[in-house]
Amino acid sequence: MKRRDAAVALAAASLLPAARAQGGPIEGKQYMRLAQTLPGTPGKIDVIEFFFYRCPHCFALDPLLEAWVHQLPADVAFRRVPVGQQAMLKLHQRMFYTLEAMGALTPAVHAGIFNAFHRQNIEANDEAAVVALVGRLGADTARFKQTFNSFGVQTKVSQGQKLAEACGVDNVPALVIAGRWRTGPGMGAAPGLSEQVHGQQALAVADALIKLARSGKVS
């Protein structure tokens, strides 16, 4: 059995009995409907992850999410949106969008940032520390510094925050599916289970919502 298939099977098996009885995840428990449907990518089912790098729950979900993303069908468009109101988190948002603008935000670099914060106890609380961090991960620091304070990066940060507000994101990690529904590891999770199982459950719910969006049977 493939890695993702095993993860989804475990998640599906551990969903609440009531959800299984009704043939899928339950609105209001495993997922929420957005107050307003958001416009999406034509011909695609959008999946957006909202996260921030210092979040331990986002760190726990990321390896599962990365494996899941690599197996998504062609009609699903996935992207990440870093969020956060604190100055440090805004600094890390700018780091994300700068690397993205440079074409340097590879899966290895993304994972490397998470590992720096959660395994190596690196703080990166100011611009110089952020530059040093991305340099250790192989980014062109001269180009990074030129891009870091650019209008384009600042605009991306603002747009990301507005999108999070429109999606009603008040905790992370959160997954928004098809501009209609929001789910995440903290929704409908039974107490006492591991972060990994919570993450697998959230991805199983996301799969069900993608299938629902694809069916067109949504109000």
Foldseek 3Di string as FASTA:
>chain_A
DDPLVVLLVLLVVPADPVQVVVPHDDDPFQKHWFPDFDDDDPQAKEKEWEEFLLDVLCLLLVVSVVVVVVPDDPRYDYDYFYDDDDPQRLLRLLLVVLCVVVVNPDPQLVNQSSCCVPPVVQDNRDDVSSLVSVVVVPDDSVSSVVRSPDPVSVVSRVVSHVVCVSRVDPDDGWMDIRSTMIGALVGNHDPPDDSSSSSSNSVSNNVVVNVVVVVVPDD
